[in-house]
C-alpha atoms as a PDB file:
ATOM      1  CA  MET A   1       0.000   0.000   0.000  1.00  0.00           C
ATOM      2  CA  THR A   2       1.224   3.505  -0.834  1.00  0.00           C
ATOM      3  CA  VAL A   3      -0.020   6.537   1.075  1.00  0.00           C
ATOM      4  CA  ALA A   4       0.709  10.217   0.564  1.00  0.00           C
ATOM      5  CA  ALA A   5      -0.275  13.050   2.897  1.00  0.00           C
ATOM      6  CA  VAL A   6      -1.197  16.221   1.024  1.00  0.00           C
ATOM      7  CA  THR A   7      -1.910  19.544   2.684  1.00  0.00           C
ATOM      8  CA  HIS A   8      -5.479  20.705   2.011  1.00  0.00           C
ATOM      9  CA  LEU A   9      -6.124  24.407   2.558  1.00  0.00           C
ATOM     10  CA  ASN A  10      -9.572  25.868   3.249  1.00  0.00           C
ATOM     11  CA  PHE A  11     -10.404  29.348   1.951  1.00  0.00           C
ATOM     12  CA  THR A  12     -13.404  31.686   1.831  1.00  0.00           C
ATOM     13  CA  GLY A  13     -13.254  32.703  -1.829  1.00  0.00           C
ATOM     14  CA  GLN A  14      -9.479  32.909  -2.371  1.00  0.00           C
ATOM     15  CA  ALA A  15      -8.731  29.278  -3.304  1.00  0.00           C
ATOM     16  CA  ARG A  16      -8.414  29.904  -7.062  1.00  0.00           C
ATOM     17  CA  ALA A  17      -6.004  32.829  -6.562  1.00  0.00           C
ATOM     18  CA  ALA A  18      -3.992  30.895  -3.966  1.00  0.00           C
ATOM     19  CA  LEU A  19      -3.681  27.804  -6.165  1.00  0.00           C
ATOM     20  CA  SER A  20      -2.644  29.926  -9.161  1.00  0.00           C
ATOM     21  CA  PHE A  21       0.010  31.606  -7.007  1.00  0.00           C
ATOM     22  CA  TYR A  22       1.304  28.251  -5.743  1.00  0.00           C
ATOM     23  CA  GLN A  23       1.525  26.988  -9.323  1.00  0.00           C
ATOM     24  CA  GLN A  24       3.650  30.036 -10.197  1.00  0.00           C
ATOM     25  CA  VAL A  25       5.907  29.330  -7.202  1.00  0.00           C
ATOM     26  CA  PHE A  26       6.259  25.548  -7.479  1.00  0.00           C
ATOM     27  CA  GLY A  27       5.321  24.771 -11.078  1.00  0.00           C
ATOM     28  CA  GLY A  28       3.240  21.730 -11.859  1.00  0.00           C
ATOM     29  CA  GLN A  29      -0.262  21.031 -13.066  1.00  0.00           C
ATOM     30  CA  LEU A  30      -3.139  23.171 -11.772  1.00  0.00           C
ATOM     31  CA  THR A  31      -6.596  21.588 -11.583  1.00  0.00           C
ATOM     32  CA  VAL A  32      -9.600  23.658 -10.491  1.00  0.00           C
ATOM     33  CA  ALA A  33     -13.290  22.777 -10.491  1.00  0.00           C
ATOM     34  CA  SER A  34     -15.990  25.167  -9.304  1.00  0.00           C
ATOM     35  CA  TYR A  35     -19.241  24.414  -7.549  1.00  0.00           C
ATOM     36  CA  ALA A  36     -20.951  25.380 -10.843  1.00  0.00           C
ATOM     37  CA  ASP A  37     -18.862  22.725 -12.628  1.00  0.00           C
ATOM     38  CA  PHE A  38     -20.420  20.216 -10.213  1.00  0.00           C
ATOM     39  CA  GLY A  39     -23.998  21.327 -10.929  1.00  0.00           C
ATOM     40  CA  ILE A  40     -24.681  24.283  -8.643  1.00  0.00           C
ATOM     41  CA  PRO A  41     -26.631  26.882 -10.677  1.00  0.00           C
ATOM     42  CA  GLU A  42     -24.329  29.704 -11.755  1.00  0.00           C
ATOM     43  CA  GLU A  43     -26.639  32.353 -10.277  1.00  0.00           C
ATOM     44  CA  VAL A  44     -26.189  30.924  -6.754  1.00  0.00           C
ATOM     45  CA  PRO A  45     -23.713  33.035  -4.761  1.00  0.00           C
ATOM     46  CA  GLY A  46     -20.365  31.261  -4.589  1.00  0.00           C
ATOM     47  CA  ALA A  47     -21.069  28.988  -7.570  1.00  0.00           C
ATOM     48  CA  ASP A  48     -17.775  30.075  -9.148  1.00  0.00           C
ATOM     49  CA  ASN A  49     -15.830  29.253  -5.950  1.00  0.00           C
ATOM     50  CA  VAL A  50     -13.528  26.235  -5.903  1.00  0.00           C
ATOM     51  CA  VAL A  51     -14.990  22.904  -4.808  1.00  0.00           C
ATOM     52  CA  PHE A  52     -11.838  20.979  -5.788  1.00  0.00           C
ATOM     53  CA  GLY A  53      -8.420  22.361  -6.581  1.00  0.00           C
ATOM     54  CA  GLN A  54      -4.878  21.139  -6.558  1.00  0.00           C
ATOM     55  CA  VAL A  55      -1.366  21.782  -7.769  1.00  0.00           C
ATOM     56  CA  VAL A  56       0.813  18.733  -8.379  1.00  0.00           C
ATOM     57  CA  ALA A  57       4.413  19.108  -9.554  1.00  0.00           C
ATOM     58  CA  GLU A  58       6.831  16.501 -10.884  1.00  0.00           C
ATOM     59  CA  ASN A  59       9.263  17.229  -8.032  1.00  0.00           C
ATOM     60  CA  GLY A  60       6.784  15.794  -5.514  1.00  0.00           C
ATOM     61  CA  PHE A  61       5.150  19.051  -4.390  1.00  0.00           C
ATOM     62  CA  ALA A  62       1.380  18.768  -4.021  1.00  0.00           C
ATOM     63  CA  ILE A  63      -1.236  20.933  -2.356  1.00  0.00           C
ATOM     64  CA  MET A  64      -5.022  20.956  -2.429  1.00  0.00           C
ATOM     65  CA  ALA A  65      -7.514  23.721  -1.635  1.00  0.00           C
ATOM     66  CA  TYR A  66     -11.164  24.630  -1.788  1.00  0.00           C
ATOM     67  CA  ASP A  67     -13.551  27.392  -0.755  1.00  0.00           C
ATOM     68  CA  ILE A  68     -15.712  26.507   2.236  1.00  0.00           C
ATOM     69  CA  PRO A  69     -19.319  26.408   0.994  1.00  0.00           C
ATOM     70  CA  GLY A  70     -21.460  29.289   2.192  1.00  0.00           C
ATOM     71  CA  GLN A  71     -18.519  31.101   3.791  1.00  0.00           C
ATOM     72  CA  THR A  72     -17.900  34.633   2.597  1.00  0.00           C
ATOM     73  CA  ASP A  73     -16.157  36.131   5.599  1.00  0.00           C
ATOM     74  CA  ALA A  74     -12.541  35.310   6.210  1.00  0.00           C
ATOM     75  CA  PRO A  75     -11.976  33.440   9.461  1.00  0.00           C
ATOM     76  CA  GLU A  76     -10.266  35.207  12.318  1.00  0.00           C
ATOM     77  CA  PRO A  77      -6.732  35.725  11.032  1.00  0.00           C
ATOM     78  CA  SER A  78      -3.964  33.706  12.573  1.00  0.00           C
ATOM     79  CA  TRP A  79      -0.730  35.388  13.569  1.00  0.00           C
ATOM     80  CA  THR A  80       2.857  34.294  13.905  1.00  0.00           C
ATOM     81  CA  ARG A  81       5.748  36.437  15.091  1.00  0.00           C
ATOM     82  CA  ARG A  82       9.207  36.254  16.612  1.00  0.00           C
ATOM     83  CA  GLU A  83       9.624  37.657  20.087  1.00  0.00           C
ATOM     84  CA  ASN A  84      12.653  37.292  22.373  1.00  0.00           C
ATOM     85  CA  GLY A  85      14.052  34.499  20.201  1.00  0.00           C
ATOM     86  CA  ALA A  86      10.843  32.440  20.214  1.00  0.00           C
ATOM     87  CA  THR A  87       8.141  31.916  17.624  1.00  0.00           C
ATOM     88  CA  LEU A  88       4.746  32.864  19.030  1.00  0.00           C
ATOM     89  CA  THR A  89       1.603  31.931  17.125  1.00  0.00           C
ATOM     90  CA  ASN A  90      -2.070  31.131  17.235  1.00  0.00           C
ATOM     91  CA  ALA A  91      -1.882  29.428  13.807  1.00  0.00           C
ATOM     92  CA  PRO A  92      -3.356  25.913  13.905  1.00  0.00           C
ATOM     93  CA  PHE A  93      -0.679  24.582  11.536  1.00  0.00           C
ATOM     94  CA  PHE A  94       2.329  25.463   9.374  1.00  0.00           C
ATOM     95  CA  VAL A  95       3.105  24.018   5.949  1.00  0.00           C
ATOM     96  CA  SER A  96       6.648  22.670   6.013  1.00  0.00           C
ATOM     97  CA  LEU A  97       8.637  22.596   2.785  1.00  0.00           C
ATOM     98  CA  ARG A  98      12.046  20.894   2.737  1.00  0.00           C
ATOM     99  CA  GLY A  99      14.474  20.764  -0.183  1.00  0.00           C
ATOM    100  CA  GLU A 100      17.876  19.232  -0.792  1.00  0.00           C
ATOM    101  CA  THR A 101      19.983  22.338  -1.460  1.00  0.00           C
ATOM    102  CA  VAL A 102      20.116  25.938  -0.260  1.00  0.00           C
ATOM    103  CA  ASP A 103      19.862  27.182  -3.856  1.00  0.00           C
ATOM    104  CA  GLU A 104      16.741  25.087  -4.509  1.00  0.00           C
ATOM    105  CA  VAL A 105      14.940  26.253  -1.376  1.00  0.00           C
ATOM    106  CA  ALA A 106      16.151  29.873  -1.696  1.00  0.00           C
ATOM    107  CA  ALA A 107      14.560  30.075  -5.162  1.00  0.00           C
ATOM    108  CA  LEU A 108      11.223  28.920  -3.728  1.00  0.00           C
ATOM    109  CA  TRP A 109      11.590  31.338  -0.800  1.00  0.00           C
ATOM    110  CA  ALA A 110      12.101  34.238  -3.192  1.00  0.00           C
ATOM    111  CA  LYS A 111       8.855  33.451  -5.027  1.00  0.00           C
ATOM    112  CA  LEU A 112       6.745  32.507  -2.014  1.00  0.00           C
ATOM    113  CA  SER A 113       7.796  35.622  -0.084  1.00  0.00           C
ATOM    114  CA  ASP A 114       6.225  37.946  -2.682  1.00  0.00           C
ATOM    115  CA  GLY A 115       3.564  39.795  -0.689  1.00  0.00           C
ATOM    116  CA  ALA A 116       4.307  37.741   2.430  1.00  0.00           C
ATOM    117  CA  LYS A 117       4.950  38.733   6.026  1.00  0.00           C
ATOM    118  CA  ILE A 118       8.393  37.431   6.954  1.00  0.00           C
ATOM    119  CA  VAL A 119       8.406  35.796  10.376  1.00  0.00           C
ATOM    120  CA  GLU A 120      12.028  34.651  10.254  1.00  0.00           C
ATOM    121  CA  GLU A 121      14.411  35.495   7.403  1.00  0.00           C
ATOM    122  CA  PHE A 122      15.749  32.651   5.277  1.00  0.00           C
ATOM    123  CA  ALA A 123      19.263  32.095   6.641  1.00  0.00           C
ATOM    124  CA  PRO A 124      21.544  29.457   8.197  1.00  0.00           C
ATOM    125  CA  ALA A 125      20.255  27.922  11.437  1.00  0.00           C
ATOM    126  CA  GLN A 126      21.816  25.644  14.054  1.00  0.00           C
ATOM    127  CA  TRP A 127      20.107  22.538  12.666  1.00  0.00           C
ATOM    128  CA  THR A 128      20.140  23.230   8.922  1.00  0.00           C
ATOM    129  CA  PRO A 129      22.106  25.078   6.235  1.00  0.00           C
ATOM    130  CA  ALA A 130      19.073  27.384   5.761  1.00  0.00           C
ATOM    131  CA  PHE A 131      15.675  27.956   7.376  1.00  0.00           C
ATOM    132  CA  GLY A 132      12.965  30.607   7.120  1.00  0.00           C
ATOM    133  CA  MET A 133       9.354  31.194   8.070  1.00  0.00           C
ATOM    134  CA  LEU A 134       6.756  33.408   6.412  1.00  0.00           C
ATOM    135  CA  THR A 135       3.030  33.942   6.198  1.00  0.00           C
ATOM    136  CA  ASP A 136       2.031  34.273   2.554  1.00  0.00           C
ATOM    137  CA  ARG A 137      -0.444  36.747   1.089  1.00  0.00           C
ATOM    138  CA  PHE A 138      -3.258  34.211   1.639  1.00  0.00           C
ATOM    139  CA  GLY A 139      -2.574  33.816   5.368  1.00  0.00           C
ATOM    140  CA  VAL A 140      -0.821  30.434   5.139  1.00  0.00           C
ATOM    141  CA  THR A 141       2.336  30.132   7.265  1.00  0.00           C
ATOM    142  CA  TRP A 142       5.198  28.239   5.613  1.00  0.00           C
ATOM    143  CA  ILE A 143       8.412  26.854   7.053  1.00  0.00           C
ATOM    144  CA  LEU A 144      11.130  26.347   4.456  1.00  0.00           C
ATOM    145  CA  ASP A 145      14.376  24.557   5.212  1.00  0.00           C
ATOM    146  CA  VAL A 146      17.148  22.486   3.734  1.00  0.00           C
ATOM    147  CA  ALA A 147      17.419  18.803   4.577  1.00  0.00           C
ATOM    148  CA  ALA A 148      20.327  18.021   6.890  1.00  0.00           C
ATOM    149  CA  THR A 149      21.748  14.850   8.346  1.00  0.00           C
ATOM    150  CA  TYR A 150      20.992  14.713  12.063  1.00  0.00           C
END
């Protein structure tokens, strides 16, 4: 049996824009289906929102997203910040992205950080050649680092 865990993000109308952005960052195939594509009448509010969406890249990156049905207000925003050397947050999760080389991960950092709030700059850390944390323009907090032998 083969199993893969894929992060699934929930949005309130921003799923299409987020998935398009992630495709620009990571490459890969973008698939998006709206509620209207699945039979909801187009005149129903939210019919053009995403019921199923994903980006899958050849390098193994995959992410899924949809727009929560009937939700138009963004949920209470999560926050993440550095204070006195510690990361403080009320975010329920982070998406962790690990690559093999600093150059590989730095290139993704540069793209993903466009419009993001930087929590911790991408730089060498005690446990890895490079690590950084940011909250992207869609409110998703990402941890990027380089694989290291422990």
